[in-house]
Amino acid sequence: MMKVTNSIMAFLFMLSVAVQFNDPDPLVWVLVYAAAAIACVLYAFQRLNWLVPAVIALVSSLWAVYLFPEMIGNINDSSLSDIFNFFNMKTLGTELIREIGGLLIIVVWMIVLAVAGRGEKHETGS
């Protein structure tokens, strides 16, 4: 089950990399999603040190906390339908909700990989 779920998450993170290029600040988003995808691939090949996903989770958590106050200040200009509309980014509030959501998905999966990596004997590649 873990292998299948990790493969799906790796694919979704790679897909997320591909769709970031139309973002106003694509580089940081490409980097964070690529880091998550790489962690998934390393886990699949049993080359992941648990510290890697732990650091990715920490950075993503801090980033989400940083964005949170701005999201709260702009949430009134977003509707639930805007958040789940894949083709439009009508408001700053909608963008921030989606960005924080993406970061939280990364955080959750990186914690899963870190915990799983601590319980398994994975090589670090050194």
N, C-alpha and C. Protein backbone atom coordinates (compact mmCIF):
# COMPACT_ATOMS: atom_id res chain seq x y z
N MET A 1 0.82 -1.20 0.00
CA MET A 1 0.00 0.00 0.00
C MET A 1 0.87 1.26 0.00
N MET A 2 1.93 1.26 0.79
CA MET A 2 2.82 2.42 0.87
C MET A 2 3.48 2.70 -0.47
N LYS A 3 3.91 1.65 -1.16
CA LYS A 3 4.57 1.84 -2.46
C LYS A 3 3.62 2.48 -3.47
N VAL A 4 2.39 2.01 -3.49
CA VAL A 4 1.41 2.55 -4.44
C VAL A 4 1.09 4.00 -4.10
N THR A 5 0.84 4.27 -2.83
CA THR A 5 0.50 5.63 -2.42
C THR A 5 1.68 6.58 -2.68
N ASN A 6 2.88 6.14 -2.38
CA ASN A 6 4.05 6.97 -2.63
C ASN A 6 4.22 7.24 -4.12
N SER A 7 3.96 6.25 -4.95
CA SER A 7 4.04 6.45 -6.40
C SER A 7 3.02 7.48 -6.88
N ILE A 8 1.83 7.41 -6.34
CA ILE A 8 0.78 8.37 -6.70
C ILE A 8 1.20 9.77 -6.25
N MET A 9 1.73 9.89 -5.04
CA MET A 9 2.15 11.19 -4.54
C MET A 9 3.31 11.74 -5.38
N ALA A 10 4.26 10.89 -5.75
CA ALA A 10 5.37 11.33 -6.61
C ALA A 10 4.83 11.88 -7.92
N PHE A 11 3.89 11.16 -8.52
CA PHE A 11 3.27 11.61 -9.76
C PHE A 11 2.57 12.96 -9.57
N LEU A 12 1.80 13.09 -8.50
CA LEU A 12 1.07 14.33 -8.25
C LEU A 12 2.02 15.50 -7.99
N PHE A 13 3.11 15.26 -7.27
CA PHE A 13 4.08 16.33 -7.06
C PHE A 13 4.76 16.72 -8.37
N MET A 14 5.06 15.74 -9.23
CA MET A 14 5.65 16.05 -10.54
C MET A 14 4.65 16.84 -11.41
N LEU A 15 3.40 16.44 -11.35
CA LEU A 15 2.36 17.18 -12.07
C LEU A 15 2.27 18.61 -11.54
N SER A 16 2.39 18.76 -10.24
CA SER A 16 2.36 20.09 -9.63
C SER A 16 3.53 20.95 -10.11
N VAL A 17 4.68 20.34 -10.30
CA VAL A 17 5.83 21.08 -10.87
C VAL A 17 5.45 21.61 -12.24
N ALA A 18 4.85 20.77 -13.05
CA ALA A 18 4.53 21.15 -14.43
C ALA A 18 3.55 22.31 -14.52
N VAL A 19 2.62 22.40 -13.58
CA VAL A 19 1.59 23.44 -13.67
C VAL A 19 2.00 24.74 -12.98
N GLN A 20 3.18 24.80 -12.40
CA GLN A 20 3.61 26.01 -11.70
C GLN A 20 4.16 27.09 -12.62
N PHE A 21 4.45 26.73 -13.85
CA PHE A 21 5.13 27.68 -14.73
C PHE A 21 4.26 28.86 -15.15
N ASN A 22 2.95 28.79 -14.92
CA ASN A 22 2.10 29.95 -15.20
C ASN A 22 1.85 30.78 -13.95
N ASP A 23 2.48 30.41 -12.85
CA ASP A 23 2.34 31.13 -11.58
C ASP A 23 3.18 32.41 -11.62
N PRO A 24 2.76 33.44 -10.90
CA PRO A 24 3.57 34.67 -10.86
C PRO A 24 4.96 34.47 -10.25
N ASP A 25 5.10 33.50 -9.36
CA ASP A 25 6.41 33.21 -8.75
C ASP A 25 6.70 31.71 -8.89
N PRO A 26 6.96 31.26 -10.11
CA PRO A 26 7.06 29.81 -10.34
C PRO A 26 8.26 29.13 -9.71
N LEU A 27 9.39 29.81 -9.62
CA LEU A 27 10.61 29.14 -9.19
C LEU A 27 10.49 28.52 -7.79
N VAL A 28 9.98 29.26 -6.83
CA VAL A 28 9.89 28.72 -5.48
C VAL A 28 8.92 27.55 -5.41
N TRP A 29 7.84 27.63 -6.18
CA TRP A 29 6.85 26.55 -6.18
C TRP A 29 7.38 25.32 -6.91
N VAL A 30 8.09 25.52 -8.00
CA VAL A 30 8.72 24.39 -8.69
C VAL A 30 9.70 23.70 -7.76
N LEU A 31 10.48 24.48 -7.03
CA LEU A 31 11.48 23.90 -6.13
C LEU A 31 10.85 23.07 -5.01
N VAL A 32 9.79 23.59 -4.39
CA VAL A 32 9.20 22.86 -3.26
C VAL A 32 8.50 21.58 -3.74
N TYR A 33 7.77 21.67 -4.86
CA TYR A 33 7.12 20.46 -5.36
C TYR A 33 8.14 19.46 -5.91
N ALA A 34 9.21 19.97 -6.53
CA ALA A 34 10.26 19.07 -7.03
C ALA A 34 10.97 18.37 -5.87
N ALA A 35 11.21 19.11 -4.79
CA ALA A 35 11.85 18.50 -3.62
C ALA A 35 10.98 17.37 -3.07
N ALA A 36 9.67 17.60 -3.00
CA ALA A 36 8.76 16.56 -2.52
C ALA A 36 8.76 15.36 -3.46
N ALA A 37 8.75 15.62 -4.76
CA ALA A 37 8.77 14.52 -5.74
C ALA A 37 10.06 13.72 -5.63
N ILE A 38 11.17 14.42 -5.50
CA ILE A 38 12.46 13.74 -5.38
C ILE A 38 12.50 12.89 -4.11
N ALA A 39 11.96 13.41 -3.02
CA ALA A 39 11.91 12.62 -1.78
C ALA A 39 11.12 11.34 -2.00
N CYS A 40 10.01 11.43 -2.73
CA CYS A 40 9.20 10.24 -3.02
C CYS A 40 9.99 9.23 -3.85
N VAL A 41 10.71 9.72 -4.85
CA VAL A 41 11.50 8.83 -5.71
C VAL A 41 12.63 8.19 -4.90
N LEU A 42 13.30 8.97 -4.08
CA LEU A 42 14.36 8.40 -3.25
C LEU A 42 13.82 7.34 -2.30
N TYR A 43 12.64 7.60 -1.75
CA TYR A 43 12.02 6.60 -0.88
C TYR A 43 11.73 5.31 -1.65
N ALA A 44 11.22 5.47 -2.86
CA ALA A 44 10.89 4.29 -3.68
C ALA A 44 12.12 3.44 -3.96
N PHE A 45 13.29 4.09 -4.10
CA PHE A 45 14.52 3.37 -4.38
C PHE A 45 15.33 3.09 -3.10
N GLN A 46 14.68 3.27 -1.97
CA GLN A 46 15.29 3.01 -0.67
C GLN A 46 16.60 3.75 -0.47
N ARG A 47 16.59 5.01 -0.90
CA ARG A 47 17.76 5.87 -0.77
C ARG A 47 17.47 7.14 0.03
N LEU A 48 16.37 7.15 0.75
CA LEU A 48 15.93 8.36 1.43
C LEU A 48 16.31 8.33 2.91
N ASN A 49 17.08 9.31 3.32
CA ASN A 49 17.33 9.53 4.73
C ASN A 49 16.12 10.27 5.28
N TRP A 50 15.60 9.86 6.41
CA TRP A 50 14.38 10.45 6.96
C TRP A 50 14.49 11.95 7.21
N LEU A 51 15.72 12.47 7.35
CA LEU A 51 15.90 13.90 7.58
C LEU A 51 15.47 14.74 6.38
N VAL A 52 15.60 14.20 5.18
CA VAL A 52 15.24 14.94 3.97
C VAL A 52 13.76 15.31 3.98
N PRO A 53 12.84 14.34 4.11
CA PRO A 53 11.43 14.75 4.16
C PRO A 53 11.10 15.55 5.41
N ALA A 54 11.82 15.33 6.50
CA ALA A 54 11.57 16.11 7.71
C ALA A 54 11.89 17.59 7.47
N VAL A 55 12.99 17.86 6.78
CA VAL A 55 13.35 19.24 6.48
C VAL A 55 12.36 19.85 5.49
N ILE A 56 11.96 19.09 4.48
CA ILE A 56 10.96 19.59 3.52
C ILE A 56 9.66 19.91 4.24
N ALA A 57 9.25 19.05 5.17
CA ALA A 57 8.03 19.29 5.94
C ALA A 57 8.17 20.54 6.80
N LEU A 58 9.31 20.72 7.43
CA LEU A 58 9.54 21.89 8.27
C LEU A 58 9.48 23.18 7.45
N VAL A 59 10.19 23.21 6.34
CA VAL A 59 10.20 24.39 5.47
C VAL A 59 8.80 24.69 4.96
N SER A 60 8.10 23.67 4.51
CA SER A 60 6.74 23.86 4.00
C SER A 60 5.79 24.33 5.09
N SER A 61 5.95 23.82 6.29
CA SER A 61 5.12 24.25 7.43
C SER A 61 5.35 25.73 7.74
N LEU A 62 6.61 26.11 7.81
CA LEU A 62 6.94 27.51 8.10
C LEU A 62 6.42 28.44 7.01
N TRP A 63 6.51 27.99 5.77
CA TRP A 63 6.02 28.78 4.64
C TRP A 63 4.50 28.94 4.74
N ALA A 64 3.79 27.87 5.07
CA ALA A 64 2.33 27.95 5.22
C ALA A 64 1.96 28.90 6.35
N VAL A 65 2.69 28.83 7.46
CA VAL A 65 2.43 29.73 8.59
C VAL A 65 2.68 31.18 8.17
N TYR A 66 3.70 31.41 7.39
CA TYR A 66 4.02 32.75 6.89
C TYR A 66 2.89 33.29 6.00
N LEU A 67 2.32 32.43 5.15
CA LEU A 67 1.25 32.85 4.23
C LEU A 67 -0.10 33.00 4.91
N PHE A 68 -0.29 32.32 6.04
CA PHE A 68 -1.60 32.27 6.69
C PHE A 68 -2.20 33.64 7.01
N PRO A 69 -1.47 34.57 7.63
CA PRO A 69 -2.08 35.87 7.93
C PRO A 69 -2.56 36.61 6.68
N GLU A 70 -1.79 36.52 5.60
CA GLU A 70 -2.21 37.17 4.36
C GLU A 70 -3.47 36.51 3.80
N MET A 71 -3.56 35.19 3.93
CA MET A 71 -4.75 34.48 3.48
C MET A 71 -5.97 34.95 4.27
N ILE A 72 -5.82 35.04 5.59
CA ILE A 72 -6.94 35.47 6.44
C ILE A 72 -7.40 36.87 6.02
N GLY A 73 -6.45 37.74 5.69
CA GLY A 73 -6.80 39.09 5.28
C GLY A 73 -7.49 39.17 3.93
N ASN A 74 -7.36 38.12 3.12
CA ASN A 74 -7.94 38.13 1.77
C ASN A 74 -9.00 37.06 1.55
N ILE A 75 -9.38 36.35 2.59
CA ILE A 75 -10.28 35.22 2.43
C ILE A 75 -11.70 35.65 2.05
N ASN A 76 -12.09 36.85 2.41
CA ASN A 76 -13.45 37.30 2.12
C ASN A 76 -13.72 37.48 0.64
N ASP A 77 -12.66 37.61 -0.16
CA ASP A 77 -12.88 37.79 -1.59
C ASP A 77 -12.89 36.46 -2.36
N SER A 78 -12.94 35.34 -1.62
CA SER A 78 -12.94 34.01 -2.25
C SER A 78 -14.21 33.25 -1.91
N SER A 79 -14.68 32.49 -2.88
CA SER A 79 -15.81 31.61 -2.62
C SER A 79 -15.33 30.16 -2.72
N LEU A 80 -16.10 29.26 -2.18
CA LEU A 80 -15.73 27.84 -2.22
C LEU A 80 -15.61 27.36 -3.67
N SER A 81 -16.49 27.83 -4.52
CA SER A 81 -16.41 27.41 -5.93
C SER A 81 -15.14 27.93 -6.60
N ASP A 82 -14.67 29.13 -6.20
CA ASP A 82 -13.42 29.66 -6.75
C ASP A 82 -12.24 28.77 -6.38
N ILE A 83 -12.24 28.26 -5.17
CA ILE A 83 -11.11 27.46 -4.69
C ILE A 83 -10.95 26.19 -5.51
N PHE A 84 -12.07 25.58 -5.89
CA PHE A 84 -12.03 24.32 -6.62
C PHE A 84 -12.19 24.47 -8.12
N ASN A 85 -12.21 25.70 -8.62
CA ASN A 85 -12.26 25.95 -10.05
C ASN A 85 -10.83 25.86 -10.58
N PHE A 86 -10.55 24.83 -11.35
CA PHE A 86 -9.19 24.57 -11.79
C PHE A 86 -8.70 25.52 -12.88
N PHE A 87 -9.59 26.25 -13.49
CA PHE A 87 -9.19 27.04 -14.64
C PHE A 87 -9.03 28.52 -14.36
N ASN A 88 -9.48 28.98 -13.22
CA ASN A 88 -9.40 30.40 -12.90
C ASN A 88 -8.78 30.62 -11.54
N MET A 89 -8.07 31.72 -11.44
CA MET A 89 -7.54 32.18 -10.16
C MET A 89 -8.03 33.61 -10.05
N LYS A 90 -9.25 33.76 -9.56
CA LYS A 90 -9.91 35.06 -9.59
C LYS A 90 -9.39 36.04 -8.55
N THR A 91 -8.97 35.54 -7.39
CA THR A 91 -8.62 36.46 -6.31
C THR A 91 -7.34 36.01 -5.62
N LEU A 92 -6.73 36.97 -4.91
CA LEU A 92 -5.55 36.66 -4.12
C LEU A 92 -5.88 35.67 -3.01
N GLY A 93 -7.06 35.83 -2.41
CA GLY A 93 -7.48 34.89 -1.36
C GLY A 93 -7.54 33.46 -1.87
N THR A 94 -8.08 33.28 -3.06
CA THR A 94 -8.15 31.94 -3.67
C THR A 94 -6.75 31.38 -3.90
N GLU A 95 -5.87 32.20 -4.42
CA GLU A 95 -4.50 31.74 -4.66
C GLU A 95 -3.81 31.33 -3.36
N LEU A 96 -3.98 32.13 -2.33
CA LEU A 96 -3.34 31.82 -1.05
C LEU A 96 -3.90 30.55 -0.42
N ILE A 97 -5.21 30.35 -0.52
CA ILE A 97 -5.82 29.13 0.01
C ILE A 97 -5.25 27.92 -0.71
N ARG A 98 -5.14 28.01 -2.02
CA ARG A 98 -4.59 26.89 -2.79
C ARG A 98 -3.12 26.66 -2.46
N GLU A 99 -2.35 27.74 -2.33
CA GLU A 99 -0.93 27.59 -2.01
C GLU A 99 -0.73 26.94 -0.65
N ILE A 100 -1.48 27.39 0.35
CA ILE A 100 -1.37 26.79 1.68
C ILE A 100 -1.83 25.34 1.65
N GLY A 101 -2.88 25.06 0.90
CA GLY A 101 -3.35 23.67 0.75
C GLY A 101 -2.27 22.78 0.16
N GLY A 102 -1.60 23.27 -0.88
CA GLY A 102 -0.51 22.50 -1.49
C GLY A 102 0.63 22.26 -0.51
N LEU A 103 0.97 23.30 0.25
CA LEU A 103 2.03 23.15 1.24
C LEU A 103 1.64 22.14 2.31
N LEU A 104 0.39 22.16 2.73
CA LEU A 104 -0.04 21.20 3.76
C LEU A 104 -0.05 19.77 3.25
N ILE A 105 -0.37 19.59 1.98
CA ILE A 105 -0.28 18.24 1.39
C ILE A 105 1.17 17.77 1.42
N ILE A 106 2.09 18.66 1.05
CA ILE A 106 3.52 18.32 1.11
C ILE A 106 3.91 17.96 2.54
N VAL A 107 3.50 18.78 3.49
CA VAL A 107 3.85 18.54 4.90
C VAL A 107 3.38 17.16 5.35
N VAL A 108 2.13 16.85 5.09
CA VAL A 108 1.58 15.57 5.52
C VAL A 108 2.35 14.40 4.90
N TRP A 109 2.59 14.47 3.58
CA TRP A 109 3.25 13.32 2.95
C TRP A 109 4.72 13.22 3.36
N MET A 110 5.38 14.35 3.56
CA MET A 110 6.77 14.30 4.00
C MET A 110 6.88 13.74 5.41
N ILE A 111 5.91 14.04 6.26
CA ILE A 111 5.89 13.45 7.60
C ILE A 111 5.71 11.94 7.50
N VAL A 112 4.82 11.50 6.61
CA VAL A 112 4.63 10.06 6.40
C VAL A 112 5.95 9.42 5.98
N LEU A 113 6.64 10.04 5.02
CA LEU A 113 7.92 9.47 4.55
C LEU A 113 8.98 9.50 5.64
N ALA A 114 9.03 10.57 6.42
CA ALA A 114 10.02 10.65 7.49
C ALA A 114 9.79 9.57 8.54
N VAL A 115 8.53 9.39 8.92
CA VAL A 115 8.19 8.36 9.91
C VAL A 115 8.47 6.97 9.34
N ALA A 116 8.06 6.74 8.10
CA ALA A 116 8.31 5.44 7.47
C ALA A 116 9.81 5.21 7.31
N GLY A 117 10.54 6.26 6.98
CA GLY A 117 11.98 6.15 6.80
C GLY A 117 12.72 5.85 8.09
N ARG A 118 12.18 6.34 9.19
CA ARG A 118 12.80 6.05 10.49
C ARG A 118 12.59 4.59 10.86
N GLY A 119 11.49 4.02 10.40
CA GLY A 119 11.17 2.64 10.75
C GLY A 119 11.79 1.61 9.82
N GLU A 120 12.30 2.07 8.69
CA GLU A 120 12.91 1.17 7.71
C GLU A 120 14.38 1.49 7.58
N LYS A 121 15.12 0.54 7.13
CA LYS A 121 16.55 0.76 6.92
C LYS A 121 16.77 1.18 5.47
N HIS A 122 16.76 2.49 5.23
CA HIS A 122 17.02 3.04 3.91
C HIS A 122 18.44 3.58 3.88
N GLU A 123 19.10 3.38 2.76
CA GLU A 123 20.46 3.90 2.61
C GLU A 123 20.40 5.38 2.32
N THR A 124 21.44 6.10 2.68
CA THR A 124 21.51 7.54 2.43
C THR A 124 22.26 7.84 1.15
N GLY A 125 22.83 6.86 0.52
CA GLY A 125 23.56 7.08 -0.71
C GLY A 125 25.02 7.44 -0.46
N SER A 126 25.48 7.46 0.78
CA SER A 126 26.88 7.78 1.04
C SER A 126 27.70 6.55 1.23
